[in-house]
Amino acid sequence: MHKVSRSSKCCPTFDHLPENISCFLPDIYKSWHRLEERHKHMFTKRKRLLKIAQHNRPIKGRFIPQCPCKYKKPIEFVRDVRIRTRTEQLALPAVRRLLLFKETVKDLFEPLRILGINRLIRLSLLSVYSRLTNIQPPQKKVPIHKWDEAEWKKHTKYLKKLAKPKKEPKQPKLPVQRMKLDKMTRFKALALPKTHEEPTKEPWALTPAMKTYEPSENIKKMALPTAHDDSAMIQSLPIPINPTALTYKATKRTKELATAREKGVGESDLKENPFSISPNALKARPTARIKELAEPKEYENTHIRENPFAISPAALKAKASPRIIELAKPKGS
């Protein structure tokens, strides 16, 4: 018998097929033989492909194969009943449909009929095609735990803690390495103001070379005054007009700019007597704010004292210092 065992820690291990499998399972043997013959004709063995398929780099360390199984707990197939053929396994209904059907009729059917549905679910779940598609048995739904008032308070306290901005750690102050005042001779020299020494000019004196000096032709030419042409500045009267100005035709924009602006007619120009006062102005009553603004401001004259000959009390109590007494004495005394 062909057995399969799978667990969460190992890959599926298959027992060797018996030699007389063609007698027990003719349908599966025929399909297997057909696939084997088809594979032989489709795949061509080439030395180049077989050489490329080999590993050319040695695997470092110890190779530990990992199991790709997705089972949460070990599952063992125990088949005490007769082995079902491929057609019978395909004829089994899908596990999902059987589970939905059981949910709808569990309150209507008798317990004996529910046991029959459970048997079909077990057969469909343990079939070869369900195992190849890795269909898992149904799991119970874990109810969602609802928080009480104490848990909500703890959660809000944690959220407020997360919402606060992060405080930057205080950086330690680095020790300032200052130089002592006794050693700052260079800084004291640089702090002094700069002194510019002006070169002393020697008094002018008539040298013997000056007495026998003769100027060159270039110096004599440079010594002559510049002659200006006054003919360009003096023009004959009347001044002649440019011929292009006589034949120039002004554009529409130039004529528009040349016309004087018309001043708007004011209301005072429309009146027969522009100096007359309107009747509404005679009847107007000033507000309290206008009366307040109409009053003259009072200015305090701080420049002129009321009694210019009065002496301040502080001056009477003042005591002259030795320097003031020294300066008060007349010169030569």
Protein backbone atom coordinates (compact mmCIF):
# COMPACT_ATOMS: atom_id res chain seq x y z
CA MET A 1 0.00 0.00 0.00
CA HIS A 2 1.21 3.53 -0.86
CA LYS A 3 1.44 5.59 2.36
CA VAL A 4 2.17 9.27 2.87
CA SER A 5 3.14 10.93 6.15
CA ARG A 6 3.54 14.65 6.66
CA SER A 7 4.33 16.77 9.70
CA SER A 8 5.40 20.30 10.55
CA LYS A 9 9.08 19.29 10.75
CA CYS A 10 9.61 16.96 7.79
CA CYS A 11 8.81 16.77 4.09
CA PRO A 12 6.46 14.12 2.68
CA THR A 13 8.07 10.69 2.55
CA PHE A 14 6.69 8.13 0.12
CA ASP A 15 7.06 4.38 0.38
CA HIS A 16 8.28 2.49 -2.66
CA LEU A 17 5.55 1.37 -5.03
CA PRO A 18 5.02 -2.37 -5.15
CA GLU A 19 5.93 -4.23 -8.33
CA ASN A 20 2.41 -5.59 -8.81
CA ILE A 21 0.79 -2.09 -8.72
CA SER A 22 -0.53 -2.61 -12.24
CA CYS A 23 -2.78 -5.37 -10.90
CA PHE A 24 -4.15 -3.46 -7.88
CA LEU A 25 -4.40 0.04 -9.38
CA PRO A 26 -4.63 -0.34 -13.14
CA ASP A 27 -6.18 3.10 -13.72
CA ILE A 28 -3.46 5.01 -11.83
CA TYR A 29 -0.71 2.84 -13.31
CA LYS A 30 -1.86 3.56 -16.87
CA SER A 31 -1.91 7.32 -16.28
CA TRP A 32 1.52 7.17 -14.64
CA HIS A 33 2.96 5.13 -17.52
CA ARG A 34 1.45 7.56 -20.04
CA LEU A 35 3.04 10.56 -18.27
CA GLU A 36 6.41 8.79 -18.12
CA GLU A 37 6.39 8.03 -21.86
CA ARG A 38 5.32 11.60 -22.65
CA HIS A 39 8.14 12.99 -20.52
CA LYS A 40 10.73 10.83 -22.29
CA HIS A 41 9.68 12.10 -25.73
CA MET A 42 9.46 15.78 -24.70
CA PHE A 43 12.82 16.03 -22.90
CA THR A 44 16.06 15.56 -24.84
CA LYS A 45 19.11 14.70 -22.80
CA ARG A 46 22.02 16.92 -23.81
CA LYS A 47 25.47 16.94 -22.31
CA ARG A 48 25.62 20.73 -22.33
CA LEU A 49 22.36 21.13 -20.37
CA LEU A 50 23.30 18.43 -17.88
CA LYS A 51 26.69 20.07 -17.34
CA ILE A 52 25.11 23.50 -16.76
CA ALA A 53 22.59 22.02 -14.30
CA GLN A 54 25.37 20.85 -11.99
CA HIS A 55 26.61 23.05 -9.14
CA ASN A 56 29.94 24.64 -10.03
CA ARG A 57 30.36 26.37 -6.67
CA PRO A 58 30.79 24.37 -3.47
CA ILE A 59 28.20 25.06 -0.76
CA LYS A 60 29.84 26.65 2.25
CA GLY A 61 28.98 25.16 5.62
CA ARG A 62 26.60 22.33 6.32
CA PHE A 63 23.51 22.11 4.12
CA ILE A 64 20.37 21.65 6.22
CA PRO A 65 17.25 21.17 4.06
CA GLN A 66 14.20 23.05 5.34
CA CYS A 67 10.75 21.59 5.14
CA PRO A 68 8.26 23.63 3.02
CA CYS A 69 5.21 22.12 4.74
CA LYS A 70 2.51 24.51 6.03
CA TYR A 71 0.86 22.18 8.50
CA LYS A 72 0.46 23.45 12.05
CA LYS A 73 0.31 19.94 13.52
CA PRO A 74 1.35 16.49 12.22
CA ILE A 75 -1.22 14.67 10.12
CA GLU A 76 -1.12 10.93 9.54
CA PHE A 77 -3.13 9.13 6.92
CA VAL A 78 -4.64 5.89 8.12
CA ARG A 79 -6.55 4.09 5.42
CA ASP A 80 -8.21 1.01 6.77
CA VAL A 81 -10.86 1.16 4.10
CA ARG A 82 -10.30 0.14 0.54
CA ILE A 83 -8.26 2.45 -1.66
CA ARG A 84 -10.46 4.68 -3.81
CA THR A 85 -9.65 5.13 -7.45
CA ARG A 86 -8.88 8.47 -9.14
CA THR A 87 -12.43 8.72 -10.50
CA GLU A 88 -13.96 8.12 -7.08
CA GLN A 89 -11.71 10.75 -5.49
CA LEU A 90 -12.62 13.29 -8.18
CA ALA A 91 -16.31 12.53 -7.65
CA LEU A 92 -16.15 13.57 -4.01
CA PRO A 93 -17.75 17.02 -3.41
CA ALA A 94 -15.54 19.96 -2.45
CA VAL A 95 -14.83 20.49 1.24
CA ARG A 96 -16.02 24.11 1.18
CA ARG A 97 -19.43 23.18 -0.27
CA LEU A 98 -19.90 20.39 2.27
CA LEU A 99 -19.08 22.77 5.14
CA LEU A 100 -21.56 25.39 3.88
CA PHE A 101 -24.23 22.71 3.43
CA LYS A 102 -23.62 21.44 6.98
CA GLU A 103 -24.04 24.98 8.41
CA THR A 104 -27.40 25.42 6.69
CA VAL A 105 -28.91 22.01 7.63
CA LYS A 106 -27.40 21.32 11.05
CA ASP A 107 -30.63 22.42 12.78
CA LEU A 108 -32.93 20.60 10.31
CA PHE A 109 -31.35 17.14 9.87
CA GLU A 110 -31.16 14.33 12.37
CA PRO A 111 -27.84 13.53 14.12
CA LEU A 112 -27.44 10.36 12.01
CA ARG A 113 -27.57 12.36 8.77
CA ILE A 114 -25.11 14.89 10.20
CA LEU A 115 -22.71 11.98 10.85
CA GLY A 116 -22.95 11.04 7.16
CA ILE A 117 -22.07 14.60 6.13
CA ASN A 118 -19.11 14.53 8.51
CA ARG A 119 -17.93 11.28 6.90
CA LEU A 120 -18.07 12.89 3.43
CA ILE A 121 -16.15 15.92 4.72
CA ARG A 122 -13.48 13.64 6.17
CA LEU A 123 -13.17 11.65 2.94
CA SER A 124 -12.93 14.81 0.81
CA LEU A 125 -10.47 16.43 3.18
CA LEU A 126 -8.15 13.36 3.20
CA SER A 127 -8.27 12.79 -0.56
CA VAL A 128 -5.13 13.05 -2.67
CA TYR A 129 -6.33 16.19 -4.48
CA SER A 130 -7.22 17.97 -1.24
CA ARG A 131 -3.78 17.15 0.13
CA LEU A 132 -2.09 18.43 -3.04
CA THR A 133 -3.96 21.73 -2.74
CA ASN A 134 -3.15 21.83 0.99
CA ILE A 135 -6.73 22.29 2.19
CA GLN A 136 -6.80 22.70 5.97
CA PRO A 137 -9.59 21.64 8.32
CA PRO A 138 -11.88 24.44 9.55
CA GLN A 139 -10.78 26.35 12.62
CA LYS A 140 -12.90 27.88 15.33
CA LYS A 141 -13.26 31.64 15.19
CA VAL A 142 -11.61 33.38 18.10
CA PRO A 143 -14.06 35.94 19.57
CA ILE A 144 -12.79 39.48 19.67
CA HIS A 145 -12.16 40.67 23.20
CA LYS A 146 -13.91 43.96 23.93
CA TRP A 147 -12.07 46.40 26.12
CA ASP A 148 -13.54 47.61 29.37
CA GLU A 149 -13.23 51.13 30.80
CA ALA A 150 -9.94 50.40 32.62
CA GLU A 151 -8.28 49.09 29.44
CA TRP A 152 -9.49 52.12 27.44
CA LYS A 153 -8.02 54.46 30.08
CA LYS A 154 -4.71 52.63 29.91
CA HIS A 155 -4.76 52.83 26.09
CA THR A 156 -5.58 56.58 26.02
CA LYS A 157 -2.80 57.21 28.54
CA TYR A 158 -0.37 55.36 26.28
CA LEU A 159 -1.56 57.34 23.22
CA LYS A 160 -1.07 60.64 25.06
CA LYS A 161 2.42 59.54 25.96
CA LEU A 162 3.18 58.76 22.31
CA ALA A 163 1.64 62.07 21.15
CA LYS A 164 4.08 64.15 23.18
CA PRO A 165 7.06 65.47 21.20
CA LYS A 166 10.35 63.85 21.88
CA LYS A 167 12.75 65.82 24.04
CA GLU A 168 16.21 66.17 22.68
CA PRO A 169 18.89 65.06 25.11
CA LYS A 170 20.91 67.89 26.58
CA GLN A 171 24.35 68.00 25.10
CA PRO A 172 27.13 68.25 27.64
CA LYS A 173 29.00 71.52 27.64
CA LEU A 174 32.50 71.24 26.31
CA PRO A 175 35.25 72.62 28.53
CA VAL A 176 36.46 75.99 27.28
CA GLN A 177 40.21 76.10 27.03
CA ARG A 178 40.99 79.76 27.55
CA MET A 179 44.41 81.26 27.52
CA LYS A 180 45.64 83.07 30.58
CA LEU A 181 46.00 86.85 30.48
CA ASP A 182 49.70 86.67 31.20
CA LYS A 183 50.32 84.70 28.01
CA MET A 184 48.27 86.99 25.71
CA THR A 185 51.25 89.11 24.61
CA ARG A 186 50.42 88.61 20.94
CA PHE A 187 46.79 89.68 21.38
CA LYS A 188 47.84 92.77 23.29
CA ALA A 189 50.15 93.76 20.47
CA LEU A 190 47.38 93.25 17.89
CA ALA A 191 44.91 95.26 19.98
CA LEU A 192 47.02 98.42 19.72
CA PRO A 193 45.97 100.89 16.96
CA LYS A 194 47.99 101.01 13.79
CA THR A 195 50.50 103.80 13.42
CA HIS A 196 51.33 105.02 9.95
CA GLU A 197 54.65 106.78 9.62
CA GLU A 198 54.44 109.53 7.04
CA PRO A 199 57.64 110.05 5.05
CA THR A 200 59.24 113.42 5.72
CA LYS A 201 59.56 115.67 2.69
CA GLU A 202 62.90 117.30 2.09
CA PRO A 203 62.83 121.04 1.48
CA TRP A 204 63.05 122.13 -2.13
CA ALA A 205 66.47 123.19 -3.26
CA LEU A 206 67.92 124.32 -6.58
CA THR A 207 70.38 121.71 -7.74
CA PRO A 208 73.19 122.31 -10.25
CA ALA A 209 71.54 119.96 -12.77
CA MET A 210 68.47 122.22 -12.85
CA LYS A 211 70.58 125.18 -13.93
CA THR A 212 71.87 123.40 -17.07
CA TYR A 213 68.66 121.42 -17.88
CA GLU A 214 67.19 121.76 -21.38
CA PRO A 215 63.62 120.46 -22.03
CA SER A 216 62.96 118.03 -24.88
CA GLU A 217 60.68 118.65 -27.84
CA ASN A 218 57.89 116.44 -26.32
CA ILE A 219 57.91 118.41 -23.04
CA LYS A 220 57.78 121.70 -24.97
CA LYS A 221 54.81 120.35 -26.97
CA MET A 222 53.01 119.25 -23.79
CA ALA A 223 53.65 122.64 -22.16
CA LEU A 224 51.71 124.48 -24.88
CA PRO A 225 48.08 125.32 -23.99
CA THR A 226 45.32 123.34 -25.73
CA ALA A 227 43.64 125.24 -28.57
CA HIS A 228 39.84 124.96 -28.67
CA ASP A 229 37.76 125.49 -31.83
CA ASP A 230 35.20 128.18 -30.95
CA SER A 231 33.50 128.05 -34.36
CA ALA A 232 31.29 125.16 -33.28
CA MET A 233 30.04 127.12 -30.24
CA ILE A 234 29.28 130.36 -32.07
CA GLN A 235 26.36 130.03 -34.50
CA SER A 236 25.02 132.61 -36.88
CA LEU A 237 21.57 134.07 -36.33
CA PRO A 238 18.98 133.01 -37.28
CA ILE A 239 19.78 129.35 -36.46
CA PRO A 240 19.09 127.15 -39.51
CA ILE A 241 16.36 124.47 -39.17
CA ASN A 242 16.97 120.84 -40.04
CA PRO A 243 15.37 119.99 -43.46
CA THR A 244 13.87 116.74 -42.07
CA ALA A 245 12.05 118.75 -39.38
CA LEU A 246 10.39 120.88 -42.06
CA THR A 247 9.03 117.83 -43.94
CA TYR A 248 8.10 115.79 -40.79
CA LYS A 249 4.47 114.70 -40.42
CA ALA A 250 3.21 114.17 -36.90
CA THR A 251 1.47 110.86 -36.06
CA LYS A 252 -1.99 110.51 -34.55
CA ARG A 253 -0.53 109.69 -31.10
CA THR A 254 1.77 112.74 -31.21
CA LYS A 255 -1.19 115.02 -32.05
CA GLU A 256 -3.19 113.45 -29.21
CA LEU A 257 -0.38 114.13 -26.73
CA ALA A 258 0.08 117.69 -28.06
CA THR A 259 -3.51 118.73 -27.27
CA ALA A 260 -4.04 120.32 -23.83
CA ARG A 261 -6.12 118.51 -21.23
CA GLU A 262 -9.62 119.78 -20.54
CA LYS A 263 -10.11 120.58 -16.89
CA GLY A 264 -13.28 119.27 -15.26
CA VAL A 265 -15.97 121.79 -14.37
CA GLY A 266 -16.34 122.00 -10.57
CA GLU A 267 -19.46 122.74 -8.54
CA SER A 268 -18.16 126.19 -7.57
CA ASP A 269 -18.04 127.19 -11.23
CA LEU A 270 -21.69 126.25 -11.75
CA LYS A 271 -22.91 128.42 -8.85
CA GLU A 272 -24.09 131.95 -9.51
CA ASN A 273 -22.30 133.11 -6.37
CA PRO A 274 -19.45 130.73 -5.54
CA PHE A 275 -18.86 132.42 -2.14
CA SER A 276 -22.40 131.85 -0.83
CA ILE A 277 -22.97 129.43 2.07
CA SER A 278 -25.43 126.57 1.63
CA PRO A 279 -28.55 126.54 3.91
CA ASN A 280 -27.62 123.08 5.29
CA ALA A 281 -24.26 124.42 6.46
CA LEU A 282 -26.02 127.21 8.37
CA LYS A 283 -28.30 124.70 10.14
CA ALA A 284 -25.53 122.19 10.97
CA ARG A 285 -24.80 121.45 14.63
CA PRO A 286 -21.29 120.39 15.62
CA THR A 287 -20.83 117.15 17.56
CA ALA A 288 -19.01 116.84 20.88
CA ARG A 289 -15.95 115.41 19.12
CA ILE A 290 -15.77 118.35 16.68
CA LYS A 291 -16.07 120.81 19.59
CA GLU A 292 -13.27 118.95 21.38
CA LEU A 293 -11.06 119.12 18.31
CA ALA A 294 -11.88 122.83 17.76
CA GLU A 295 -10.47 123.83 21.16
CA PRO A 296 -6.85 125.07 21.06
CA LYS A 297 -4.12 122.93 22.60
CA GLU A 298 -2.38 124.17 25.74
CA TYR A 299 1.37 124.12 25.46
CA GLU A 300 3.62 124.36 28.48
CA ASN A 301 6.69 126.50 27.89
CA THR A 302 9.58 124.65 29.50
CA HIS A 303 12.29 126.84 28.00
CA ILE A 304 11.59 129.98 30.06
CA ARG A 305 11.54 129.76 33.87
CA GLU A 306 9.01 131.68 35.92
CA ASN A 307 11.73 133.16 38.14
CA PRO A 308 14.98 133.23 36.14
CA PHE A 309 16.99 134.49 39.15
CA ALA A 310 15.94 131.66 41.50
CA ILE A 311 18.67 129.23 42.62
CA SER A 312 17.90 125.52 42.80
CA PRO A 313 18.08 123.83 46.25
CA ALA A 314 20.66 121.36 44.97
CA ALA A 315 22.97 124.22 43.96
CA LEU A 316 22.75 125.68 47.45
CA LYS A 317 23.82 122.38 49.02
CA ALA A 318 26.57 121.62 46.46
CA LYS A 319 30.18 121.38 47.62
CA ALA A 320 32.97 122.38 45.24
CA SER A 321 35.63 119.77 44.54
CA PRO A 322 39.35 120.61 44.77
CA ARG A 323 39.58 120.63 40.97
CA ILE A 324 36.77 123.19 40.64
CA ILE A 325 38.40 125.37 43.30
CA GLU A 326 41.65 125.11 41.40
CA LEU A 327 39.98 126.09 38.11
CA ALA A 328 38.10 128.99 39.79
CA LYS A 329 41.34 130.73 40.71
CA PRO A 330 42.47 133.40 38.21
CA LYS A 331 45.53 132.70 36.16
CA GLY A 332 48.82 133.95 37.50
CA SER A 333 47.63 134.00 41.12
